[in-house]
Amino acid sequence: NNNKTADSNSDGGVVQQLWLEAGLHLMKVSQAAADLKQFYLQNAQNNPMLTRVSSSTKPFPPQKVCSFL
């Protein structure tokens, strides 16, 4: 049981070191949400999910009928 404790302590140090070396930038969830909202608002005109698709543009062409059936 002592070996498990020693192993988990050393693993924790390795994990911490990996985080430091990776240089990951951590941010608060509220900041990430605000950044995403800003990105979507800036790019809304290019997002067909937020804008209407012209009736002349057919994003989903008619399905072809299978001749084997």
PDB file of N, CA and C in Angstrom:
ATOM      1  N   ASN A   1       0.824  -1.197   0.000  1.00  0.00           N
ATOM      2  CA  ASN A   1       0.000   0.000   0.000  1.00  0.00           C
ATOM      3  C   ASN A   1       0.864   1.255   0.000  1.00  0.00           C
ATOM      4  N   ASN A   2       2.041   1.173   0.674  1.00  0.00           N
ATOM      5  CA  ASN A   2       2.980   2.286   0.668  1.00  0.00           C
ATOM      6  C   ASN A   2       3.501   2.568  -0.730  1.00  0.00           C
ATOM      7  N   ASN A   3       3.708   1.507  -1.512  1.00  0.00           N
ATOM      8  CA  ASN A   3       4.183   1.685  -2.883  1.00  0.00           C
ATOM      9  C   ASN A   3       3.161   2.433  -3.727  1.00  0.00           C
ATOM     10  N   LYS A   4       1.857   2.160  -3.520  1.00  0.00           N
ATOM     11  CA  LYS A   4       0.810   2.867  -4.258  1.00  0.00           C
ATOM     12  C   LYS A   4       0.861   4.361  -3.977  1.00  0.00           C
ATOM     13  N   THR A   5       1.040   4.716  -2.715  1.00  0.00           N
ATOM     14  CA  THR A   5       1.109   6.124  -2.337  1.00  0.00           C
ATOM     15  C   THR A   5       2.328   6.782  -2.971  1.00  0.00           C
ATOM     16  N   ALA A   6       3.442   6.107  -2.933  1.00  0.00           N
ATOM     17  CA  ALA A   6       4.666   6.654  -3.530  1.00  0.00           C
ATOM     18  C   ALA A   6       4.503   6.801  -5.032  1.00  0.00           C
ATOM     19  N   ASP A   7       3.880   5.789  -5.676  1.00  0.00           N
ATOM     20  CA  ASP A   7       3.666   5.852  -7.125  1.00  0.00           C
ATOM     21  C   ASP A   7       2.739   7.003  -7.508  1.00  0.00           C
ATOM     22  N   SER A   8       1.643   7.166  -6.761  1.00  0.00           N
ATOM     23  CA  SER A   8       0.704   8.228  -7.112  1.00  0.00           C
ATOM     24  C   SER A   8       1.335   9.601  -6.884  1.00  0.00           C
ATOM     25  N   ASN A   9       2.177   9.737  -5.861  1.00  0.00           N
ATOM     26  CA  ASN A   9       2.866  11.008  -5.635  1.00  0.00           C
ATOM     27  C   ASN A   9       3.827  11.306  -6.771  1.00  0.00           C
ATOM     28  N   SER A  10       4.563  10.306  -7.225  1.00  0.00           N
ATOM     29  CA  SER A  10       5.513  10.548  -8.317  1.00  0.00           C
ATOM     30  C   SER A  10       4.774  10.795  -9.626  1.00  0.00           C
ATOM     31  N   ASP A  11       3.635  10.105  -9.841  1.00  0.00           N
ATOM     32  CA  ASP A  11       2.835  10.344 -11.044  1.00  0.00           C
ATOM     33  C   ASP A  11       2.299  11.768 -11.057  1.00  0.00           C
ATOM     34  N   GLY A  12       1.887  12.236  -9.898  1.00  0.00           N
ATOM     35  CA  GLY A  12       1.385  13.602  -9.799  1.00  0.00           C
ATOM     36  C   GLY A  12       2.452  14.603 -10.186  1.00  0.00           C
ATOM     37  N   GLY A  13       3.683  14.348  -9.779  1.00  0.00           N
ATOM     38  CA  GLY A  13       4.782  15.230 -10.154  1.00  0.00           C
ATOM     39  C   GLY A  13       5.033  15.200 -11.650  1.00  0.00           C
ATOM     40  N   VAL A  14       4.925  14.016 -12.240  1.00  0.00           N
ATOM     41  CA  VAL A  14       5.126  13.871 -13.692  1.00  0.00           C
ATOM     42  C   VAL A  14       4.033  14.620 -14.441  1.00  0.00           C
ATOM     43  N   VAL A  15       2.793  14.446 -13.984  1.00  0.00           N
ATOM     44  CA  VAL A  15       1.670  15.126 -14.637  1.00  0.00           C
ATOM     45  C   VAL A  15       1.828  16.633 -14.536  1.00  0.00           C
ATOM     46  N   GLN A  16       2.196  17.105 -13.360  1.00  0.00           N
ATOM     47  CA  GLN A  16       2.395  18.538 -13.180  1.00  0.00           C
ATOM     48  C   GLN A  16       3.509  19.043 -14.097  1.00  0.00           C
ATOM     49  N   GLN A  17       4.572  18.291 -14.198  1.00  0.00           N
ATOM     50  CA  GLN A  17       5.682  18.684 -15.059  1.00  0.00           C
ATOM     51  C   GLN A  17       5.257  18.721 -16.524  1.00  0.00           C
ATOM     52  N   LEU A  18       4.441  17.752 -16.926  1.00  0.00           N
ATOM     53  CA  LEU A  18       3.949  17.733 -18.311  1.00  0.00           C
ATOM     54  C   LEU A  18       3.087  18.957 -18.605  1.00  0.00           C
ATOM     55  N   TRP A  19       2.241  19.341 -17.663  1.00  0.00           N
ATOM     56  CA  TRP A  19       1.430  20.533 -17.841  1.00  0.00           C
ATOM     57  C   TRP A  19       2.311  21.764 -17.989  1.00  0.00           C
ATOM     58  N   LEU A  20       3.332  21.853 -17.163  1.00  0.00           N
ATOM     59  CA  LEU A  20       4.236  22.999 -17.249  1.00  0.00           C
ATOM     60  C   LEU A  20       4.970  23.029 -18.579  1.00  0.00           C
ATOM     61  N   GLU A  21       5.439  21.877 -19.020  1.00  0.00           N
ATOM     62  CA  GLU A  21       6.187  21.815 -20.273  1.00  0.00           C
ATOM     63  C   GLU A  21       5.306  22.052 -21.487  1.00  0.00           C
ATOM     64  N   ALA A  22       4.067  21.623 -21.412  1.00  0.00           N
ATOM     65  CA  ALA A  22       3.154  21.812 -22.542  1.00  0.00           C
ATOM     66  C   ALA A  22       2.811  23.286 -22.720  1.00  0.00           C
ATOM     67  N   GLY A  23       2.934  24.038 -21.645  1.00  0.00           N
ATOM     68  CA  GLY A  23       2.661  25.472 -21.737  1.00  0.00           C
ATOM     69  C   GLY A  23       1.210  25.762 -22.065  1.00  0.00           C
ATOM     70  N   LEU A  24       0.308  24.929 -21.577  1.00  0.00           N
ATOM     71  CA  LEU A  24      -1.106  25.131 -21.859  1.00  0.00           C
ATOM     72  C   LEU A  24      -1.599  26.392 -21.173  1.00  0.00           C
ATOM     73  N   HIS A  25      -2.368  27.134 -21.918  1.00  0.00           N
ATOM     74  CA  HIS A  25      -2.944  28.366 -21.380  1.00  0.00           C
ATOM     75  C   HIS A  25      -4.316  28.023 -20.824  1.00  0.00           C
ATOM     76  N   LEU A  26      -4.469  28.146 -19.516  1.00  0.00           N
ATOM     77  CA  LEU A  26      -5.744  27.865 -18.879  1.00  0.00           C
ATOM     78  C   LEU A  26      -6.520  29.164 -18.724  1.00  0.00           C
ATOM     79  N   MET A  27      -7.828  29.067 -18.896  1.00  0.00           N
ATOM     80  CA  MET A  27      -8.666  30.244 -18.701  1.00  0.00           C
ATOM     81  C   MET A  27      -9.956  29.825 -18.022  1.00  0.00           C
ATOM     82  N   LYS A  28     -10.644  30.776 -17.461  1.00  0.00           N
ATOM     83  CA  LYS A  28     -11.913  30.505 -16.804  1.00  0.00           C
ATOM     84  C   LYS A  28     -12.956  30.152 -17.858  1.00  0.00           C
ATOM     85  N   VAL A  29     -13.908  29.320 -17.470  1.00  0.00           N
ATOM     86  CA  VAL A  29     -14.979  28.914 -18.378  1.00  0.00           C
ATOM     87  C   VAL A  29     -15.764  30.130 -18.843  1.00  0.00           C
ATOM     88  N   SER A  30     -15.993  31.083 -17.954  1.00  0.00           N
ATOM     89  CA  SER A  30     -16.750  32.280 -18.325  1.00  0.00           C
ATOM     90  C   SER A  30     -16.020  33.072 -19.414  1.00  0.00           C
ATOM     91  N   GLN A  31     -14.694  33.113 -19.342  1.00  0.00           N
ATOM     92  CA  GLN A  31     -13.916  33.820 -20.367  1.00  0.00           C
ATOM     93  C   GLN A  31     -13.976  33.062 -21.684  1.00  0.00           C
ATOM     94  N   ALA A  32     -13.870  31.732 -21.634  1.00  0.00           N
ATOM     95  CA  ALA A  32     -13.962  30.922 -22.850  1.00  0.00           C
ATOM     96  C   ALA A  32     -15.326  31.096 -23.500  1.00  0.00           C
ATOM     97  N   ALA A  33     -16.387  31.128 -22.703  1.00  0.00           N
ATOM     98  CA  ALA A  33     -17.741  31.319 -23.231  1.00  0.00           C
ATOM     99  C   ALA A  33     -17.876  32.692 -23.880  1.00  0.00           C
ATOM    100  N   ALA A  34     -17.326  33.710 -23.250  1.00  0.00           N
ATOM    101  CA  ALA A  34     -17.381  35.060 -23.811  1.00  0.00           C
ATOM    102  C   ALA A  34     -16.616  35.127 -25.130  1.00  0.00           C
ATOM    103  N   ASP A  35     -15.462  34.473 -25.189  1.00  0.00           N
ATOM    104  CA  ASP A  35     -14.672  34.445 -26.427  1.00  0.00           C
ATOM    105  C   ASP A  35     -15.425  33.737 -27.546  1.00  0.00           C
ATOM    106  N   LEU A  36     -16.070  32.610 -27.221  1.00  0.00           N
ATOM    107  CA  LEU A  36     -16.848  31.879 -28.221  1.00  0.00           C
ATOM    108  C   LEU A  36     -18.020  32.710 -28.728  1.00  0.00           C
ATOM    109  N   LYS A  37     -18.703  33.373 -27.804  1.00  0.00           N
ATOM    110  CA  LYS A  37     -19.838  34.216 -28.185  1.00  0.00           C
ATOM    111  C   LYS A  37     -19.375  35.322 -29.135  1.00  0.00           C
ATOM    112  N   GLN A  38     -18.269  35.946 -28.801  1.00  0.00           N
ATOM    113  CA  GLN A  38     -17.733  37.016 -29.651  1.00  0.00           C
ATOM    114  C   GLN A  38     -17.371  36.475 -31.031  1.00  0.00           C
ATOM    115  N   PHE A  39     -16.740  35.296 -31.081  1.00  0.00           N
ATOM    116  CA  PHE A  39     -16.367  34.682 -32.362  1.00  0.00           C
ATOM    117  C   PHE A  39     -17.609  34.411 -33.210  1.00  0.00           C
ATOM    118  N   TYR A  40     -18.638  33.820 -32.592  1.00  0.00           N
ATOM    119  CA  TYR A  40     -19.858  33.509 -33.339  1.00  0.00           C
ATOM    120  C   TYR A  40     -20.547  34.766 -33.843  1.00  0.00           C
ATOM    121  N   LEU A  41     -20.588  35.806 -33.011  1.00  0.00           N
ATOM    122  CA  LEU A  41     -21.223  37.048 -33.440  1.00  0.00           C
ATOM    123  C   LEU A  41     -20.450  37.700 -34.585  1.00  0.00           C
ATOM    124  N   GLN A  42     -19.130  37.625 -34.544  1.00  0.00           N
ATOM    125  CA  GLN A  42     -18.321  38.211 -35.611  1.00  0.00           C
ATOM    126  C   GLN A  42     -18.462  37.441 -36.918  1.00  0.00           C
ATOM    127  N   ASN A  43     -18.746  36.128 -36.835  1.00  0.00           N
ATOM    128  CA  ASN A  43     -18.815  35.290 -38.028  1.00  0.00           C
ATOM    129  C   ASN A  43     -20.232  34.835 -38.358  1.00  0.00           C
ATOM    130  N   ALA A  44     -21.238  35.473 -37.758  1.00  0.00           N
ATOM    131  CA  ALA A  44     -22.629  35.048 -37.941  1.00  0.00           C
ATOM    132  C   ALA A  44     -23.074  35.137 -39.393  1.00  0.00           C
ATOM    133  N   GLN A  45     -22.599  36.138 -40.119  1.00  0.00           N
ATOM    134  CA  GLN A  45     -23.042  36.304 -41.504  1.00  0.00           C
ATOM    135  C   GLN A  45     -22.574  35.167 -42.406  1.00  0.00           C
ATOM    136  N   ASN A  46     -21.574  34.412 -41.989  1.00  0.00           N
ATOM    137  CA  ASN A  46     -21.063  33.290 -42.784  1.00  0.00           C
ATOM    138  C   ASN A  46     -21.578  31.942 -42.299  1.00  0.00           C
ATOM    139  N   ASN A  47     -22.448  31.951 -41.298  1.00  0.00           N
ATOM    140  CA  ASN A  47     -22.925  30.711 -40.700  1.00  0.00           C
ATOM    141  C   ASN A  47     -24.343  30.411 -41.181  1.00  0.00           C
ATOM    142  N   PRO A  48     -24.505  29.404 -42.047  1.00  0.00           N
ATOM    143  CA  PRO A  48     -25.839  29.103 -42.573  1.00  0.00           C
ATOM    144  C   PRO A  48     -26.817  28.633 -41.493  1.00  0.00           C
ATOM    145  N   MET A  49     -26.308  28.237 -40.329  1.00  0.00           N
ATOM    146  CA  MET A  49     -27.196  27.845 -39.245  1.00  0.00           C
ATOM    147  C   MET A  49     -27.863  29.071 -38.616  1.00  0.00           C
ATOM    148  N   LEU A  50     -27.264  30.244 -38.793  1.00  0.00           N
ATOM    149  CA  LEU A  50     -27.802  31.464 -38.203  1.00  0.00           C
ATOM    150  C   LEU A  50     -28.476  32.367 -39.228  1.00  0.00           C
ATOM    151  N   THR A  51     -28.175  32.164 -40.490  1.00  0.00           N
ATOM    152  CA  THR A  51     -28.755  32.997 -41.544  1.00  0.00           C
ATOM    153  C   THR A  51     -29.615  32.128 -42.449  1.00  0.00           C
ATOM    154  N   ARG A  52     -30.509  32.728 -43.146  1.00  0.00           N
ATOM    155  CA  ARG A  52     -31.357  31.976 -44.066  1.00  0.00           C
ATOM    156  C   ARG A  52     -30.563  31.631 -45.315  1.00  0.00           C
ATOM    157  N   VAL A  53     -30.794  30.450 -45.823  1.00  0.00           N
ATOM    158  CA  VAL A  53     -30.160  30.017 -47.058  1.00  0.00           C
ATOM    159  C   VAL A  53     -31.078  30.409 -48.195  1.00  0.00           C
ATOM    160  N   SER A  54     -30.510  30.986 -49.215  1.00  0.00           N
ATOM    161  CA  SER A  54     -31.284  31.410 -50.370  1.00  0.00           C
ATOM    162  C   SER A  54     -32.008  30.219 -50.989  1.00  0.00           C
ATOM    163  N   SER A  55     -33.232  30.450 -51.453  1.00  0.00           N
ATOM    164  CA  SER A  55     -33.995  29.354 -52.061  1.00  0.00           C
ATOM    165  C   SER A  55     -33.376  28.918 -53.381  1.00  0.00           C
ATOM    166  N   SER A  56     -32.583  29.798 -54.010  1.00  0.00           N
ATOM    167  CA  SER A  56     -31.923  29.407 -55.256  1.00  0.00           C
ATOM    168  C   SER A  56     -30.721  28.499 -54.986  1.00  0.00           C
ATOM    169  N   THR A  57     -30.197  28.579 -53.782  1.00  0.00           N
ATOM    170  CA  THR A  57     -29.092  27.710 -53.384  1.00  0.00           C
ATOM    171  C   THR A  57     -29.687  26.470 -52.753  1.00  0.00           C
ATOM    172  N   LYS A  58     -29.325  25.322 -53.268  1.00  0.00           N
ATOM    173  CA  LYS A  58     -29.856  24.083 -52.717  1.00  0.00           C
ATOM    174  C   LYS A  58     -28.737  23.354 -51.983  1.00  0.00           C
ATOM    175  N   PRO A  59     -28.640  23.568 -50.672  1.00  0.00           N
ATOM    176  CA  PRO A  59     -27.563  22.930 -49.934  1.00  0.00           C
ATOM    177  C   PRO A  59     -27.734  21.413 -49.842  1.00  0.00           C
ATOM    178  N   PHE A  60     -28.982  20.936 -49.997  1.00  0.00           N
ATOM    179  CA  PHE A  60     -29.243  19.499 -49.941  1.00  0.00           C
ATOM    180  C   PHE A  60     -29.935  19.080 -51.239  1.00  0.00           C
ATOM    181  N   PRO A  61     -29.160  18.615 -52.215  1.00  0.00           N
ATOM    182  CA  PRO A  61     -29.763  18.221 -53.488  1.00  0.00           C
ATOM    183  C   PRO A  61     -30.727  17.047 -53.287  1.00  0.00           C
ATOM    184  N   PRO A  62     -31.695  16.897 -54.194  1.00  0.00           N
ATOM    185  CA  PRO A  62     -32.644  15.790 -54.065  1.00  0.00           C
ATOM    186  C   PRO A  62     -31.925  14.441 -54.061  1.00  0.00           C
ATOM    187  N   GLN A  63     -32.466  13.525 -53.298  1.00  0.00           N
ATOM    188  CA  GLN A  63     -31.883  12.185 -53.208  1.00  0.00           C
ATOM    189  C   GLN A  63     -32.112  11.446 -54.523  1.00  0.00           C
ATOM    190  N   LYS A  64     -31.130  10.688 -54.940  1.00  0.00           N
ATOM    191  CA  LYS A  64     -31.283   9.864 -56.133  1.00  0.00           C
ATOM    192  C   LYS A  64     -31.992   8.567 -55.735  1.00  0.00           C
ATOM    193  N   VAL A  65     -32.837   8.081 -56.614  1.00  0.00           N
ATOM    194  CA  VAL A  65     -33.570   6.862 -56.343  1.00  0.00           C
ATOM    195  C   VAL A  65     -32.694   5.683 -56.712  1.00  0.00           C
ATOM    196  N   CYS A  66     -32.664   4.696 -55.863  1.00  0.00           N
ATOM    197  CA  CYS A  66     -31.892   3.484 -56.123  1.00  0.00           C
ATOM    198  C   CYS A  66     -32.634   2.633 -57.150  1.00  0.00           C
ATOM    199  N   SER A  67     -31.962   2.271 -58.212  1.00  0.00           N
ATOM    200  CA  SER A  67     -32.623   1.501 -59.274  1.00  0.00           C
ATOM    201  C   SER A  67     -32.757   0.017 -58.937  1.00  0.00           C
ATOM    202  N   PHE A  68     -32.075  -0.445 -57.908  1.00  0.00           N
ATOM    203  CA  PHE A  68     -32.143  -1.862 -57.546  1.00  0.00           C
ATOM    204  C   PHE A  68     -33.402  -2.191 -56.754  1.00  0.00           C
ATOM    205  N   LEU A  69     -33.994  -1.177 -56.158  1.00  0.00           N
ATOM    206  CA  LEU A  69     -35.185  -1.445 -55.344  1.00  0.00           C
ATOM    207  C   LEU A  69     -36.366  -1.352 -56.203  1.00  0.00           C
TER     208      LEU A  69
END
